[in-house]
Amino acid sequence: MLDLTPDRTGLIPPAYARRYKQLGDFIRSCYGTSAEPTKRLTLDHSNIYIQLFDSSPVTIDRSVIQEDQTLGQVIRAYTVDVQLINTTDTNQWFTVAQGTSI
């Protein structure tokens, strides 16, 4: 949790405002744009398959996974597996992340 409160005059001190802007710039640089639009999305029982690329290799160093909680928290566990195009076995998947809550 960030302590982003105004001072006793009701203003954000200039030094803090500059720092908050730096934080915002950093967050936008990390999550502001997608690497490339999703190429294909398919569903199969409890699995979601997302094809991200169909061209040259791209490095992905982070992702954002969100759950619509309009009806409450439904997802109790998840696994993110990737299939690399430069492997000899095209059926081989690698687990890159897993957790118990989104």
N, C-alpha and C. Protein backbone atom coordinates (compact mmCIF):
# COMPACT_ATOMS: atom_id res chain seq x y z
N MET A 1 0.85 -1.16 0.00
CA MET A 1 0.00 0.00 0.00
C MET A 1 0.90 1.23 0.00
N LEU A 2 0.53 2.18 -0.83
CA LEU A 2 1.29 3.41 -0.92
C LEU A 2 0.62 4.49 -0.08
N ASP A 3 1.42 5.33 0.54
CA ASP A 3 0.90 6.43 1.35
C ASP A 3 0.87 7.67 0.46
N LEU A 4 -0.19 7.81 -0.34
CA LEU A 4 -0.31 8.90 -1.30
C LEU A 4 -1.30 9.94 -0.79
N THR A 5 -0.98 10.54 0.32
CA THR A 5 -1.90 11.49 0.92
C THR A 5 -1.36 12.91 0.80
N PRO A 6 -2.26 13.89 0.74
CA PRO A 6 -1.82 15.28 0.72
C PRO A 6 -1.27 15.68 2.09
N ASP A 7 -0.55 16.80 2.10
CA ASP A 7 -0.04 17.30 3.37
C ASP A 7 -1.16 18.05 4.10
N ARG A 8 -0.82 18.75 5.17
CA ARG A 8 -1.84 19.42 5.99
C ARG A 8 -2.52 20.58 5.28
N THR A 9 -1.91 21.06 4.20
CA THR A 9 -2.54 22.14 3.42
C THR A 9 -3.49 21.59 2.37
N GLY A 10 -3.53 20.27 2.23
CA GLY A 10 -4.38 19.65 1.22
C GLY A 10 -3.71 19.48 -0.12
N LEU A 11 -2.40 19.75 -0.18
CA LEU A 11 -1.66 19.65 -1.44
C LEU A 11 -0.65 18.50 -1.38
N ILE A 12 -0.31 17.99 -2.55
CA ILE A 12 0.76 17.00 -2.65
C ILE A 12 2.07 17.78 -2.79
N PRO A 13 3.03 17.57 -1.90
CA PRO A 13 4.30 18.28 -2.02
C PRO A 13 4.96 18.02 -3.37
N PRO A 14 5.58 19.02 -3.99
CA PRO A 14 6.17 18.87 -5.33
C PRO A 14 7.15 17.69 -5.44
N ALA A 15 7.97 17.47 -4.43
CA ALA A 15 8.93 16.36 -4.48
C ALA A 15 8.19 15.02 -4.55
N TYR A 16 7.10 14.90 -3.81
CA TYR A 16 6.30 13.67 -3.84
C TYR A 16 5.61 13.52 -5.19
N ALA A 17 5.08 14.62 -5.71
CA ALA A 17 4.39 14.57 -7.00
C ALA A 17 5.33 14.09 -8.10
N ARG A 18 6.58 14.56 -8.08
CA ARG A 18 7.56 14.11 -9.08
C ARG A 18 7.81 12.61 -8.93
N ARG A 19 7.93 12.16 -7.70
CA ARG A 19 8.19 10.73 -7.46
C ARG A 19 6.99 9.88 -7.89
N TYR A 20 5.77 10.36 -7.61
CA TYR A 20 4.57 9.64 -8.03
C TYR A 20 4.52 9.54 -9.55
N LYS A 21 4.91 10.61 -10.24
CA LYS A 21 4.93 10.59 -11.70
C LYS A 21 5.95 9.56 -12.20
N GLN A 22 7.12 9.49 -11.55
CA GLN A 22 8.12 8.49 -11.94
C GLN A 22 7.55 7.08 -11.78
N LEU A 23 6.84 6.84 -10.69
CA LEU A 23 6.23 5.53 -10.48
C LEU A 23 5.20 5.24 -11.57
N GLY A 24 4.36 6.21 -11.88
CA GLY A 24 3.37 6.04 -12.93
C GLY A 24 4.02 5.77 -14.28
N ASP A 25 5.10 6.49 -14.60
CA ASP A 25 5.81 6.27 -15.86
C ASP A 25 6.37 4.85 -15.92
N PHE A 26 6.93 4.38 -14.80
CA PHE A 26 7.48 3.03 -14.75
C PHE A 26 6.38 1.98 -14.98
N ILE A 27 5.26 2.15 -14.31
CA ILE A 27 4.16 1.19 -14.45
C ILE A 27 3.65 1.18 -15.89
N ARG A 28 3.50 2.37 -16.50
CA ARG A 28 3.06 2.42 -17.90
C ARG A 28 4.07 1.78 -18.83
N SER A 29 5.37 1.93 -18.54
CA SER A 29 6.39 1.31 -19.40
C SER A 29 6.33 -0.21 -19.30
N CYS A 30 5.93 -0.73 -18.15
CA CYS A 30 5.84 -2.18 -17.98
C CYS A 30 4.55 -2.75 -18.54
N TYR A 31 3.44 -2.08 -18.30
CA TYR A 31 2.13 -2.66 -18.59
C TYR A 31 1.27 -1.83 -19.53
N GLY A 32 1.81 -0.76 -20.07
CA GLY A 32 1.01 0.17 -20.86
C GLY A 32 0.60 -0.33 -22.23
N THR A 33 1.39 -1.21 -22.84
CA THR A 33 1.06 -1.69 -24.17
C THR A 33 1.27 -3.20 -24.23
N SER A 34 0.52 -3.83 -25.10
CA SER A 34 0.67 -5.26 -25.31
C SER A 34 1.81 -5.51 -26.28
N ALA A 35 2.42 -6.66 -26.15
CA ALA A 35 3.49 -7.02 -27.08
C ALA A 35 2.94 -7.14 -28.49
N GLU A 36 1.78 -7.73 -28.63
CA GLU A 36 1.13 -7.89 -29.92
C GLU A 36 -0.29 -8.37 -29.65
N PRO A 37 -1.24 -8.00 -30.47
CA PRO A 37 -2.61 -8.47 -30.24
C PRO A 37 -2.70 -9.99 -30.27
N THR A 38 -3.66 -10.52 -29.53
CA THR A 38 -3.89 -11.96 -29.50
C THR A 38 -4.32 -12.44 -30.88
N LYS A 39 -3.72 -13.53 -31.33
CA LYS A 39 -4.05 -14.09 -32.64
C LYS A 39 -5.26 -15.00 -32.59
N ARG A 40 -5.37 -15.81 -31.53
CA ARG A 40 -6.47 -16.77 -31.45
C ARG A 40 -6.75 -17.11 -29.99
N LEU A 41 -8.01 -17.27 -29.65
CA LEU A 41 -8.42 -17.65 -28.30
C LEU A 41 -9.43 -18.79 -28.44
N THR A 42 -9.15 -19.91 -27.78
CA THR A 42 -10.08 -21.04 -27.80
C THR A 42 -10.28 -21.56 -26.39
N LEU A 43 -11.44 -22.12 -26.14
CA LEU A 43 -11.79 -22.67 -24.83
C LEU A 43 -12.02 -24.16 -24.97
N ASP A 44 -11.60 -24.91 -23.96
CA ASP A 44 -11.78 -26.36 -23.96
C ASP A 44 -11.98 -26.79 -22.52
N HIS A 45 -13.20 -27.04 -22.12
CA HIS A 45 -13.54 -27.43 -20.74
C HIS A 45 -13.01 -26.38 -19.77
N SER A 46 -12.00 -26.68 -19.00
CA SER A 46 -11.47 -25.72 -18.04
C SER A 46 -10.18 -25.06 -18.52
N ASN A 47 -9.86 -25.20 -19.80
CA ASN A 47 -8.62 -24.63 -20.34
C ASN A 47 -8.93 -23.50 -21.31
N ILE A 48 -8.08 -22.49 -21.27
CA ILE A 48 -8.13 -21.40 -22.23
C ILE A 48 -6.82 -21.42 -23.00
N TYR A 49 -6.89 -21.48 -24.31
CA TYR A 49 -5.69 -21.48 -25.14
C TYR A 49 -5.61 -20.14 -25.86
N ILE A 50 -4.48 -19.47 -25.72
CA ILE A 50 -4.28 -18.18 -26.35
C ILE A 50 -3.05 -18.26 -27.24
N GLN A 51 -3.24 -18.00 -28.51
CA GLN A 51 -2.10 -17.93 -29.43
C GLN A 51 -1.73 -16.46 -29.56
N LEU A 52 -0.52 -16.13 -29.14
CA LEU A 52 -0.10 -14.73 -29.14
C LEU A 52 0.58 -14.32 -30.43
N PHE A 53 1.41 -15.17 -30.98
CA PHE A 53 2.24 -14.77 -32.12
C PHE A 53 2.23 -15.84 -33.19
N ASP A 54 2.41 -15.42 -34.41
CA ASP A 54 2.60 -16.38 -35.49
C ASP A 54 3.71 -15.91 -36.42
N SER A 55 4.62 -15.13 -35.86
CA SER A 55 5.73 -14.60 -36.67
C SER A 55 7.05 -14.84 -35.96
N SER A 56 7.92 -13.88 -36.00
CA SER A 56 9.24 -14.03 -35.39
C SER A 56 9.13 -14.11 -33.87
N PRO A 57 10.13 -14.71 -33.22
CA PRO A 57 10.11 -14.86 -31.76
C PRO A 57 10.07 -13.50 -31.04
N VAL A 58 9.39 -13.47 -29.92
CA VAL A 58 9.24 -12.27 -29.10
C VAL A 58 9.54 -12.65 -27.67
N THR A 59 10.28 -11.81 -26.97
CA THR A 59 10.56 -12.04 -25.55
C THR A 59 9.43 -11.43 -24.72
N ILE A 60 8.89 -12.24 -23.82
CA ILE A 60 7.86 -11.77 -22.90
C ILE A 60 8.42 -11.93 -21.49
N ASP A 61 8.50 -10.83 -20.75
CA ASP A 61 9.07 -10.90 -19.41
C ASP A 61 8.03 -10.71 -18.31
N ARG A 62 6.77 -10.48 -18.69
CA ARG A 62 5.71 -10.37 -17.69
C ARG A 62 4.36 -10.48 -18.39
N SER A 63 3.37 -10.82 -17.62
CA SER A 63 2.00 -10.87 -18.15
C SER A 63 1.05 -10.46 -17.04
N VAL A 64 -0.14 -10.11 -17.43
CA VAL A 64 -1.18 -9.73 -16.47
C VAL A 64 -2.35 -10.68 -16.67
N ILE A 65 -2.78 -11.31 -15.60
CA ILE A 65 -3.94 -12.20 -15.63
C ILE A 65 -4.96 -11.62 -14.67
N GLN A 66 -6.18 -11.41 -15.16
CA GLN A 66 -7.22 -10.83 -14.32
C GLN A 66 -8.47 -11.71 -14.38
N GLU A 67 -9.21 -11.70 -13.30
CA GLU A 67 -10.46 -12.45 -13.23
C GLU A 67 -11.61 -11.47 -13.04
N ASP A 68 -12.66 -11.62 -13.84
CA ASP A 68 -13.88 -10.85 -13.65
C ASP A 68 -14.55 -11.38 -12.39
N GLN A 69 -14.64 -10.55 -11.36
CA GLN A 69 -15.20 -11.01 -10.09
C GLN A 69 -16.61 -10.50 -9.85
N THR A 70 -17.31 -10.22 -10.95
CA THR A 70 -18.70 -9.79 -10.83
C THR A 70 -19.53 -10.81 -10.06
N LEU A 71 -19.28 -12.08 -10.32
CA LEU A 71 -20.01 -13.15 -9.64
C LEU A 71 -19.20 -13.76 -8.50
N GLY A 72 -18.18 -13.06 -8.05
CA GLY A 72 -17.32 -13.55 -6.99
C GLY A 72 -16.07 -14.20 -7.55
N GLN A 73 -15.20 -14.61 -6.66
CA GLN A 73 -13.96 -15.27 -7.08
C GLN A 73 -14.28 -16.72 -7.42
N VAL A 74 -14.06 -17.09 -8.67
CA VAL A 74 -14.39 -18.43 -9.15
C VAL A 74 -13.13 -19.27 -9.35
N ILE A 75 -12.08 -18.66 -9.85
CA ILE A 75 -10.84 -19.40 -10.13
C ILE A 75 -10.12 -19.68 -8.82
N ARG A 76 -9.91 -20.95 -8.54
CA ARG A 76 -9.26 -21.36 -7.29
C ARG A 76 -7.79 -21.72 -7.49
N ALA A 77 -7.42 -22.05 -8.72
CA ALA A 77 -6.03 -22.37 -9.04
C ALA A 77 -5.82 -22.17 -10.53
N TYR A 78 -4.60 -21.87 -10.91
CA TYR A 78 -4.30 -21.68 -12.32
C TYR A 78 -2.87 -22.12 -12.61
N THR A 79 -2.63 -22.44 -13.86
CA THR A 79 -1.30 -22.76 -14.36
C THR A 79 -1.14 -22.09 -15.71
N VAL A 80 0.01 -21.47 -15.93
CA VAL A 80 0.32 -20.88 -17.23
C VAL A 80 1.39 -21.75 -17.87
N ASP A 81 1.03 -22.38 -18.98
CA ASP A 81 1.96 -23.22 -19.74
C ASP A 81 2.22 -22.55 -21.08
N VAL A 82 3.43 -22.70 -21.58
CA VAL A 82 3.77 -22.15 -22.89
C VAL A 82 4.30 -23.25 -23.79
N GLN A 83 4.04 -23.08 -25.06
CA GLN A 83 4.57 -23.99 -26.07
C GLN A 83 5.50 -23.16 -26.94
N LEU A 84 6.76 -23.50 -26.95
CA LEU A 84 7.76 -22.74 -27.69
C LEU A 84 7.85 -23.22 -29.12
N ILE A 85 8.01 -22.29 -30.05
CA ILE A 85 8.06 -22.68 -31.46
C ILE A 85 9.43 -23.18 -31.89
N ASN A 86 10.45 -22.88 -31.12
CA ASN A 86 11.80 -23.27 -31.54
C ASN A 86 12.28 -24.57 -30.88
N THR A 87 11.35 -25.39 -30.41
CA THR A 87 11.72 -26.68 -29.84
C THR A 87 11.52 -27.77 -30.88
N THR A 88 12.20 -28.88 -30.70
CA THR A 88 12.05 -29.99 -31.66
C THR A 88 10.72 -30.70 -31.49
N ASP A 89 10.19 -30.72 -30.28
CA ASP A 89 8.90 -31.37 -30.02
C ASP A 89 7.82 -30.30 -29.91
N THR A 90 6.99 -30.16 -30.92
CA THR A 90 5.96 -29.11 -30.91
C THR A 90 4.82 -29.41 -29.96
N ASN A 91 4.78 -30.61 -29.39
CA ASN A 91 3.75 -30.94 -28.42
C ASN A 91 4.21 -30.72 -26.98
N GLN A 92 5.42 -30.24 -26.80
CA GLN A 92 5.97 -30.05 -25.46
C GLN A 92 5.55 -28.69 -24.91
N TRP A 93 5.00 -28.72 -23.70
CA TRP A 93 4.57 -27.51 -23.01
C TRP A 93 5.42 -27.34 -21.75
N PHE A 94 5.67 -26.09 -21.36
CA PHE A 94 6.46 -25.78 -20.18
C PHE A 94 5.62 -24.92 -19.24
N THR A 95 5.58 -25.30 -17.97
CA THR A 95 4.89 -24.50 -16.97
C THR A 95 5.78 -23.33 -16.59
N VAL A 96 5.25 -22.11 -16.72
CA VAL A 96 6.04 -20.92 -16.38
C VAL A 96 5.49 -20.20 -15.16
N ALA A 97 4.25 -20.50 -14.77
CA ALA A 97 3.67 -19.88 -13.58
C ALA A 97 2.49 -20.70 -13.11
N GLN A 98 2.25 -20.64 -11.81
CA GLN A 98 1.06 -21.28 -11.25
C GLN A 98 0.75 -20.63 -9.92
N GLY A 99 -0.49 -20.71 -9.53
CA GLY A 99 -0.89 -20.09 -8.28
C GLY A 99 -2.26 -20.58 -7.85
N THR A 100 -2.71 -20.07 -6.71
CA THR A 100 -3.98 -20.51 -6.15
C THR A 100 -5.05 -19.44 -6.20
N SER A 101 -4.70 -18.24 -6.65
CA SER A 101 -5.68 -17.17 -6.72
C SER A 101 -5.20 -16.15 -7.74
N ILE A 102 -6.15 -15.55 -8.44
CA ILE A 102 -5.79 -14.50 -9.40
C ILE A 102 -6.13 -13.18 -8.77
